[in-house]
N, C-alpha and C. Protein backbone atom coordinates (compact mmCIF):
# COMPACT_ATOMS: atom_id res chain seq x y z
N MET A 1 -59.92 -68.86 160.49
CA MET A 1 -59.07 -68.83 159.33
C MET A 1 -57.64 -68.52 159.76
N LEU A 2 -56.71 -69.00 158.99
CA LEU A 2 -55.31 -68.76 159.28
C LEU A 2 -54.70 -67.94 158.17
N ASN A 3 -53.90 -66.95 158.54
CA ASN A 3 -53.21 -66.15 157.55
C ASN A 3 -52.09 -66.97 156.95
N ALA A 4 -51.92 -66.88 155.65
CA ALA A 4 -50.91 -67.68 154.98
C ALA A 4 -49.54 -67.06 155.01
N LEU A 5 -49.46 -65.77 155.13
CA LEU A 5 -48.18 -65.09 155.05
C LEU A 5 -48.01 -64.13 156.21
N ASN A 6 -46.78 -63.86 156.54
CA ASN A 6 -46.47 -62.88 157.56
C ASN A 6 -47.05 -61.54 157.14
N ALA A 7 -47.77 -60.89 158.03
CA ALA A 7 -48.46 -59.64 157.69
C ALA A 7 -47.51 -58.52 157.32
N GLN A 8 -46.24 -58.63 157.66
CA GLN A 8 -45.30 -57.56 157.37
C GLN A 8 -44.72 -57.66 155.96
N GLN A 9 -44.97 -58.75 155.27
CA GLN A 9 -44.43 -58.93 153.93
C GLN A 9 -45.20 -58.05 152.96
N SER A 10 -44.51 -57.32 152.12
CA SER A 10 -45.19 -56.46 151.16
C SER A 10 -45.03 -56.99 149.75
N ARG A 11 -45.85 -56.53 148.86
CA ARG A 11 -45.82 -56.96 147.47
C ARG A 11 -44.45 -56.70 146.85
N SER A 12 -43.85 -55.55 147.16
CA SER A 12 -42.56 -55.22 146.57
C SER A 12 -41.46 -56.13 147.07
N ALA A 13 -41.66 -56.76 148.22
CA ALA A 13 -40.64 -57.63 148.79
C ALA A 13 -40.68 -59.03 148.19
N LEU A 14 -41.69 -59.33 147.38
CA LEU A 14 -41.81 -60.66 146.82
C LEU A 14 -40.75 -60.90 145.77
N ALA A 15 -39.95 -61.89 145.97
CA ALA A 15 -38.92 -62.25 145.00
C ALA A 15 -39.52 -63.21 143.99
N PRO A 16 -38.90 -63.31 142.82
CA PRO A 16 -39.38 -64.32 141.87
C PRO A 16 -39.32 -65.70 142.51
N THR A 17 -40.30 -66.50 142.20
CA THR A 17 -40.35 -67.84 142.78
C THR A 17 -40.03 -68.87 141.72
N CYS A 18 -39.83 -70.09 142.17
CA CYS A 18 -39.59 -71.19 141.25
C CYS A 18 -40.89 -71.53 140.52
N THR A 19 -40.77 -72.42 139.59
CA THR A 19 -41.96 -72.90 138.90
C THR A 19 -42.74 -73.82 139.84
N LEU A 20 -44.00 -74.00 139.51
CA LEU A 20 -44.81 -74.94 140.28
C LEU A 20 -44.19 -76.33 140.19
N GLY A 21 -43.72 -76.69 139.03
CA GLY A 21 -43.10 -78.01 138.85
C GLY A 21 -41.92 -78.23 139.80
N LYS A 22 -41.07 -77.22 139.95
CA LYS A 22 -39.94 -77.36 140.87
C LYS A 22 -40.43 -77.49 142.30
N ALA A 23 -41.40 -76.66 142.68
CA ALA A 23 -41.94 -76.72 144.05
C ALA A 23 -42.53 -78.10 144.34
N LEU A 24 -43.19 -78.69 143.36
CA LEU A 24 -43.82 -79.99 143.56
C LEU A 24 -42.83 -81.14 143.49
N SER A 25 -41.67 -80.92 142.87
CA SER A 25 -40.70 -82.00 142.72
C SER A 25 -39.99 -82.34 144.03
N TYR A 26 -40.05 -81.45 145.00
CA TYR A 26 -39.41 -81.70 146.28
C TYR A 26 -40.10 -82.88 146.97
N GLU A 27 -39.31 -83.77 147.52
CA GLU A 27 -39.85 -84.91 148.26
C GLU A 27 -39.20 -84.97 149.63
N ASN A 28 -39.99 -85.40 150.60
CA ASN A 28 -39.47 -85.59 151.95
C ASN A 28 -40.27 -86.71 152.61
N PRO A 29 -39.81 -87.95 152.47
CA PRO A 29 -40.55 -89.09 153.02
C PRO A 29 -40.70 -89.02 154.54
N GLU A 30 -39.80 -88.33 155.23
CA GLU A 30 -39.93 -88.22 156.70
C GLU A 30 -41.14 -87.37 157.06
N VAL A 31 -41.34 -86.29 156.35
CA VAL A 31 -42.51 -85.43 156.59
C VAL A 31 -43.79 -86.22 156.32
N VAL A 32 -43.80 -86.92 155.20
CA VAL A 32 -44.98 -87.69 154.80
C VAL A 32 -45.24 -88.82 155.80
N SER A 33 -44.19 -89.53 156.21
CA SER A 33 -44.35 -90.65 157.16
C SER A 33 -44.89 -90.16 158.49
N ARG A 34 -44.35 -89.06 158.98
CA ARG A 34 -44.82 -88.54 160.27
C ARG A 34 -46.31 -88.19 160.20
N PHE A 35 -46.71 -87.53 159.12
CA PHE A 35 -48.11 -87.16 158.95
C PHE A 35 -48.99 -88.40 158.88
N ALA A 36 -48.55 -89.40 158.12
CA ALA A 36 -49.33 -90.65 157.98
C ALA A 36 -49.54 -91.30 159.34
N GLN A 37 -48.51 -91.31 160.16
CA GLN A 37 -48.63 -91.90 161.50
C GLN A 37 -49.53 -91.08 162.40
N LEU A 38 -49.38 -89.76 162.37
CA LEU A 38 -50.19 -88.89 163.22
C LEU A 38 -51.67 -88.99 162.92
N TYR A 39 -52.00 -89.08 161.65
CA TYR A 39 -53.40 -89.01 161.23
C TYR A 39 -53.96 -90.36 160.78
N ASP A 40 -53.18 -91.41 160.98
CA ASP A 40 -53.62 -92.76 160.66
C ASP A 40 -54.16 -92.85 159.23
N VAL A 41 -53.35 -92.35 158.29
CA VAL A 41 -53.67 -92.44 156.87
C VAL A 41 -52.52 -93.17 156.19
N SER A 42 -52.75 -93.63 155.00
CA SER A 42 -51.69 -94.33 154.27
C SER A 42 -50.60 -93.34 153.86
N PHE A 43 -49.43 -93.88 153.58
CA PHE A 43 -48.32 -93.07 153.09
C PHE A 43 -48.74 -92.36 151.80
N GLU A 44 -49.47 -93.06 150.94
CA GLU A 44 -49.94 -92.47 149.68
C GLU A 44 -50.89 -91.29 149.93
N GLU A 45 -51.84 -91.46 150.86
CA GLU A 45 -52.76 -90.36 151.18
C GLU A 45 -52.00 -89.17 151.76
N ALA A 46 -51.07 -89.44 152.65
CA ALA A 46 -50.26 -88.36 153.22
C ALA A 46 -49.44 -87.68 152.14
N GLY A 47 -48.94 -88.47 151.19
CA GLY A 47 -48.19 -87.90 150.07
C GLY A 47 -49.05 -86.97 149.23
N ASP A 48 -50.32 -87.35 149.04
CA ASP A 48 -51.24 -86.48 148.29
C ASP A 48 -51.46 -85.15 149.03
N VAL A 49 -51.58 -85.21 150.34
CA VAL A 49 -51.76 -83.99 151.13
C VAL A 49 -50.49 -83.14 151.05
N PHE A 50 -49.33 -83.77 151.05
CA PHE A 50 -48.08 -83.03 150.95
C PHE A 50 -48.00 -82.31 149.60
N VAL A 51 -48.43 -82.96 148.53
CA VAL A 51 -48.46 -82.31 147.22
C VAL A 51 -49.35 -81.07 147.27
N GLU A 52 -50.53 -81.19 147.84
CA GLU A 52 -51.44 -80.03 147.93
C GLU A 52 -50.85 -78.93 148.80
N THR A 53 -50.12 -79.30 149.83
CA THR A 53 -49.48 -78.31 150.69
C THR A 53 -48.38 -77.57 149.93
N LYS A 54 -47.62 -78.28 149.13
CA LYS A 54 -46.59 -77.62 148.32
C LYS A 54 -47.23 -76.68 147.30
N LYS A 55 -48.38 -77.06 146.76
CA LYS A 55 -49.10 -76.15 145.86
C LYS A 55 -49.50 -74.88 146.61
N TRP A 56 -50.00 -75.05 147.84
CA TRP A 56 -50.41 -73.91 148.66
C TRP A 56 -49.23 -72.99 148.95
N LEU A 57 -48.10 -73.58 149.31
CA LEU A 57 -46.92 -72.78 149.61
C LEU A 57 -46.43 -72.04 148.36
N TRP A 58 -46.45 -72.71 147.21
CA TRP A 58 -46.07 -72.05 145.97
C TRP A 58 -47.00 -70.88 145.69
N LEU A 59 -48.29 -71.11 145.85
CA LEU A 59 -49.27 -70.05 145.63
C LEU A 59 -49.05 -68.90 146.62
N ALA A 60 -48.82 -69.24 147.87
CA ALA A 60 -48.59 -68.21 148.90
C ALA A 60 -47.35 -67.38 148.58
N SER A 61 -46.38 -67.99 147.94
CA SER A 61 -45.15 -67.26 147.61
C SER A 61 -45.36 -66.24 146.50
N GLN A 62 -46.47 -66.35 145.79
CA GLN A 62 -46.72 -65.53 144.62
C GLN A 62 -47.62 -64.33 144.88
N VAL A 63 -48.18 -64.27 146.07
CA VAL A 63 -49.20 -63.24 146.31
C VAL A 63 -48.82 -62.36 147.49
N GLU A 64 -49.52 -61.25 147.56
CA GLU A 64 -49.35 -60.29 148.63
C GLU A 64 -49.86 -60.87 149.94
N SER A 65 -49.26 -60.43 151.02
CA SER A 65 -49.69 -60.87 152.35
C SER A 65 -51.18 -60.63 152.54
N GLY A 66 -51.83 -61.61 153.14
CA GLY A 66 -53.26 -61.48 153.42
C GLY A 66 -54.17 -61.89 152.28
N ALA A 67 -53.59 -62.19 151.12
CA ALA A 67 -54.41 -62.55 149.97
C ALA A 67 -54.98 -63.95 150.10
N LEU A 68 -54.36 -64.77 150.91
CA LEU A 68 -54.80 -66.16 151.09
C LEU A 68 -55.04 -66.43 152.56
N SER A 69 -55.97 -67.30 152.82
CA SER A 69 -56.17 -67.77 154.18
C SER A 69 -56.67 -69.21 154.13
N ILE A 70 -56.32 -69.94 155.17
CA ILE A 70 -56.75 -71.33 155.28
C ILE A 70 -58.18 -71.32 155.84
N THR A 71 -59.10 -71.86 155.06
CA THR A 71 -60.48 -71.97 155.50
C THR A 71 -60.76 -73.43 155.85
N ASP A 72 -61.91 -73.70 156.43
CA ASP A 72 -62.22 -75.05 156.90
C ASP A 72 -61.94 -76.16 155.89
N PRO A 73 -62.32 -76.01 154.62
CA PRO A 73 -62.05 -77.11 153.68
C PRO A 73 -60.55 -77.36 153.45
N LEU A 74 -59.71 -76.41 153.84
CA LEU A 74 -58.27 -76.52 153.62
C LEU A 74 -57.50 -76.88 154.89
N LEU A 75 -58.19 -77.21 155.96
CA LEU A 75 -57.50 -77.46 157.23
C LEU A 75 -56.51 -78.60 157.16
N ILE A 76 -56.74 -79.58 156.32
CA ILE A 76 -55.79 -80.70 156.20
C ILE A 76 -54.47 -80.20 155.64
N ILE A 77 -54.51 -79.22 154.75
CA ILE A 77 -53.28 -78.61 154.24
C ILE A 77 -52.57 -77.89 155.38
N ASP A 78 -53.31 -77.20 156.21
CA ASP A 78 -52.71 -76.51 157.35
C ASP A 78 -52.04 -77.50 158.30
N GLU A 79 -52.66 -78.65 158.52
CA GLU A 79 -52.06 -79.65 159.39
C GLU A 79 -50.76 -80.19 158.81
N MET A 80 -50.73 -80.40 157.49
CA MET A 80 -49.48 -80.84 156.86
C MET A 80 -48.44 -79.73 156.92
N TRP A 81 -48.87 -78.50 156.77
CA TRP A 81 -47.95 -77.36 156.86
C TRP A 81 -47.31 -77.34 158.25
N HIS A 82 -48.12 -77.50 159.29
CA HIS A 82 -47.59 -77.57 160.66
C HIS A 82 -46.54 -78.68 160.75
N ASN A 83 -46.87 -79.82 160.20
CA ASN A 83 -45.98 -80.97 160.22
C ASN A 83 -44.66 -80.66 159.51
N PHE A 84 -44.74 -80.04 158.34
CA PHE A 84 -43.56 -79.70 157.56
C PHE A 84 -42.69 -78.69 158.31
N VAL A 85 -43.31 -77.70 158.92
CA VAL A 85 -42.57 -76.67 159.66
C VAL A 85 -41.75 -77.28 160.80
N LEU A 86 -42.24 -78.38 161.38
CA LEU A 86 -41.49 -79.03 162.47
C LEU A 86 -40.14 -79.56 162.01
N PHE A 87 -40.03 -79.86 160.73
CA PHE A 87 -38.74 -80.25 160.16
C PHE A 87 -38.06 -78.96 159.72
N THR A 88 -37.66 -78.16 160.71
CA THR A 88 -37.27 -76.76 160.48
C THR A 88 -36.19 -76.58 159.43
N LEU A 89 -35.15 -77.36 159.49
CA LEU A 89 -34.07 -77.19 158.50
C LEU A 89 -34.55 -77.53 157.10
N ASP A 90 -35.30 -78.62 156.97
CA ASP A 90 -35.82 -79.02 155.66
C ASP A 90 -36.79 -77.97 155.12
N TYR A 91 -37.69 -77.49 156.00
CA TYR A 91 -38.68 -76.50 155.58
C TYR A 91 -37.99 -75.19 155.16
N ALA A 92 -37.06 -74.73 155.97
CA ALA A 92 -36.35 -73.49 155.66
C ALA A 92 -35.59 -73.62 154.34
N ARG A 93 -34.93 -74.75 154.13
CA ARG A 93 -34.18 -74.98 152.89
C ARG A 93 -35.14 -75.02 151.69
N TYR A 94 -36.27 -75.71 151.85
CA TYR A 94 -37.26 -75.78 150.77
C TYR A 94 -37.73 -74.37 150.39
N CYS A 95 -38.09 -73.59 151.40
CA CYS A 95 -38.57 -72.23 151.13
C CYS A 95 -37.50 -71.39 150.44
N THR A 96 -36.30 -71.45 150.94
CA THR A 96 -35.21 -70.65 150.35
C THR A 96 -34.92 -71.11 148.92
N ASP A 97 -34.83 -72.41 148.71
CA ASP A 97 -34.53 -72.93 147.38
C ASP A 97 -35.62 -72.62 146.37
N CYS A 98 -36.86 -72.72 146.80
CA CYS A 98 -37.98 -72.53 145.87
C CYS A 98 -38.47 -71.09 145.78
N PHE A 99 -38.46 -70.39 146.89
CA PHE A 99 -39.13 -69.09 146.92
C PHE A 99 -38.20 -67.92 147.22
N GLY A 100 -36.96 -68.24 147.55
CA GLY A 100 -36.01 -67.18 147.85
C GLY A 100 -36.19 -66.55 149.20
N ARG A 101 -37.10 -67.10 149.99
CA ARG A 101 -37.38 -66.59 151.33
C ARG A 101 -38.21 -67.61 152.09
N TYR A 102 -38.30 -67.41 153.37
CA TYR A 102 -39.06 -68.27 154.26
C TYR A 102 -40.54 -67.88 154.17
N ILE A 103 -41.41 -68.84 153.96
CA ILE A 103 -42.86 -68.58 153.98
C ILE A 103 -43.33 -68.81 155.41
N HIS A 104 -43.68 -67.73 156.08
CA HIS A 104 -44.09 -67.81 157.48
C HIS A 104 -45.51 -68.35 157.60
N HIS A 105 -45.71 -69.10 158.64
CA HIS A 105 -47.06 -69.56 158.99
C HIS A 105 -47.53 -68.65 160.11
N ALA A 106 -48.53 -67.85 159.83
CA ALA A 106 -49.03 -66.89 160.80
C ALA A 106 -50.49 -67.20 161.12
N PRO A 107 -50.76 -67.86 162.24
CA PRO A 107 -52.15 -68.17 162.57
C PRO A 107 -52.96 -66.93 162.89
N THR A 108 -54.25 -67.06 162.76
CA THR A 108 -55.15 -65.97 163.12
C THR A 108 -55.01 -65.69 164.61
N THR A 109 -54.86 -64.43 164.94
CA THR A 109 -54.70 -64.04 166.34
C THR A 109 -56.07 -63.97 167.04
N GLN A 110 -56.01 -63.97 168.34
CA GLN A 110 -57.24 -63.82 169.12
C GLN A 110 -57.90 -62.47 168.82
N ARG A 111 -57.07 -61.45 168.62
CA ARG A 111 -57.60 -60.12 168.30
C ARG A 111 -58.36 -60.16 166.97
N ASP A 112 -57.81 -60.86 165.97
CA ASP A 112 -58.49 -61.00 164.68
C ASP A 112 -59.82 -61.73 164.84
N LYS A 113 -59.83 -62.79 165.64
CA LYS A 113 -61.06 -63.54 165.87
C LYS A 113 -62.12 -62.66 166.54
N GLU A 114 -61.70 -61.89 167.53
CA GLU A 114 -62.63 -61.00 168.22
C GLU A 114 -63.17 -59.93 167.27
N ARG A 115 -62.31 -59.38 166.43
CA ARG A 115 -62.73 -58.36 165.47
C ARG A 115 -63.77 -58.95 164.52
N ARG A 116 -63.53 -60.16 164.02
CA ARG A 116 -64.50 -60.79 163.11
C ARG A 116 -65.81 -61.09 163.82
N ARG A 117 -65.72 -61.57 165.06
CA ARG A 117 -66.93 -61.85 165.83
C ARG A 117 -67.75 -60.57 166.01
N LYS A 118 -67.08 -59.48 166.33
CA LYS A 118 -67.76 -58.19 166.51
C LYS A 118 -68.39 -57.72 165.20
N GLU A 119 -67.68 -57.89 164.10
CA GLU A 119 -68.23 -57.51 162.80
C GLU A 119 -69.51 -58.29 162.50
N PHE A 120 -69.52 -59.58 162.82
CA PHE A 120 -70.72 -60.39 162.60
C PHE A 120 -71.85 -59.99 163.53
N GLU A 121 -71.52 -59.63 164.75
CA GLU A 121 -72.56 -59.18 165.69
C GLU A 121 -73.13 -57.84 165.26
N ASP A 122 -72.26 -56.92 164.85
CA ASP A 122 -72.70 -55.57 164.50
C ASP A 122 -73.54 -55.53 163.23
N ASP A 123 -73.13 -56.26 162.23
CA ASP A 123 -73.83 -56.24 160.94
C ASP A 123 -73.62 -57.58 160.24
N PRO A 124 -74.42 -58.58 160.63
CA PRO A 124 -74.20 -59.93 160.11
C PRO A 124 -74.31 -60.03 158.59
N VAL A 125 -75.20 -59.28 157.98
CA VAL A 125 -75.36 -59.36 156.53
C VAL A 125 -74.11 -58.83 155.84
N ARG A 126 -73.66 -57.67 156.26
CA ARG A 126 -72.45 -57.08 155.66
C ARG A 126 -71.23 -57.98 155.91
N ALA A 127 -71.10 -58.49 157.13
CA ALA A 127 -69.95 -59.34 157.45
C ALA A 127 -69.95 -60.60 156.59
N GLU A 128 -71.13 -61.18 156.39
CA GLU A 128 -71.22 -62.38 155.56
C GLU A 128 -70.90 -62.07 154.10
N GLN A 129 -71.35 -60.92 153.63
CA GLN A 129 -71.05 -60.52 152.25
C GLN A 129 -69.55 -60.30 152.07
N GLU A 130 -68.90 -59.67 153.03
CA GLU A 130 -67.46 -59.44 152.95
C GLU A 130 -66.70 -60.76 153.00
N HIS A 131 -67.16 -61.66 153.86
CA HIS A 131 -66.53 -62.98 153.95
C HIS A 131 -66.66 -63.73 152.62
N ALA A 132 -67.85 -63.72 152.06
CA ALA A 132 -68.09 -64.39 150.78
C ALA A 132 -67.24 -63.76 149.68
N SER A 133 -67.09 -62.46 149.71
CA SER A 133 -66.28 -61.76 148.71
C SER A 133 -64.80 -62.16 148.83
N ARG A 134 -64.29 -62.25 150.06
CA ARG A 134 -62.89 -62.68 150.28
C ARG A 134 -62.69 -64.11 149.78
N LEU A 135 -63.64 -64.98 150.07
CA LEU A 135 -63.53 -66.36 149.60
C LEU A 135 -63.56 -66.44 148.08
N GLN A 136 -64.42 -65.64 147.47
CA GLN A 136 -64.49 -65.64 146.00
C GLN A 136 -63.19 -65.15 145.39
N ARG A 137 -62.60 -64.09 145.95
CA ARG A 137 -61.31 -63.60 145.45
C ARG A 137 -60.23 -64.68 145.58
N GLN A 138 -60.25 -65.39 146.72
CA GLN A 138 -59.27 -66.45 146.91
C GLN A 138 -59.49 -67.57 145.90
N CYS A 139 -60.72 -67.98 145.69
CA CYS A 139 -61.01 -69.03 144.70
C CYS A 139 -60.60 -68.58 143.30
N ASP A 140 -60.86 -67.33 142.97
CA ASP A 140 -60.47 -66.80 141.67
C ASP A 140 -58.95 -66.81 141.50
N LEU A 141 -58.25 -66.44 142.57
CA LEU A 141 -56.79 -66.44 142.54
C LEU A 141 -56.25 -67.86 142.36
N ILE A 142 -56.79 -68.79 143.10
CA ILE A 142 -56.36 -70.19 142.99
C ILE A 142 -56.61 -70.69 141.58
N ALA A 143 -57.78 -70.42 141.03
CA ALA A 143 -58.09 -70.87 139.68
C ALA A 143 -57.17 -70.21 138.65
N ALA A 144 -56.85 -68.93 138.84
CA ALA A 144 -55.99 -68.23 137.90
C ALA A 144 -54.57 -68.78 137.92
N LYS A 145 -54.09 -69.16 139.09
CA LYS A 145 -52.70 -69.64 139.22
C LYS A 145 -52.57 -71.15 138.99
N LEU A 146 -53.56 -71.92 139.43
CA LEU A 146 -53.46 -73.37 139.37
C LEU A 146 -54.42 -74.01 138.38
N GLY A 147 -55.35 -73.24 137.86
CA GLY A 147 -56.35 -73.80 136.96
C GLY A 147 -57.56 -74.25 137.72
N GLU A 148 -58.54 -74.69 137.02
CA GLU A 148 -59.77 -75.15 137.65
C GLU A 148 -59.57 -76.53 138.26
N PRO A 149 -60.29 -76.84 139.34
CA PRO A 149 -60.18 -78.18 139.94
C PRO A 149 -60.63 -79.25 138.95
N PRO A 150 -60.20 -80.48 139.08
CA PRO A 150 -59.22 -80.93 140.06
C PRO A 150 -57.81 -80.57 139.60
N TRP A 151 -56.98 -80.22 140.60
CA TRP A 151 -55.61 -79.83 140.30
C TRP A 151 -54.79 -81.05 140.24
């Protein structure tokens, strides 16, 4: 899993964000084209992934650090996020214009992976229950902010 926000960001540091509509209205055909070429998908498909990535970034801007993480079903969003971040000036401007701050991409560290592995080894039932609970909280948060699927 990948952390969505810089771990040092606190709830009190969250500035008001733009509306979802404003976040989604941003367009960048260069980001979409690069993704389409990299992943051999149509421009339209890449555009759909970019929309979902902007939803994720908007959602990430609204919550406390650590509240969201990229799980396997969301990896395509993470790949588009990586792609968007490479357009550093565009990404930084988008974040500042929409969220009042830069939304950091903080991947899961090796230490975090080892800690999770140890938790599963030590008490697999408890670790699985905690994992399921985190996923449920994330799904509840997504549904509360974006509504029920399909978005």
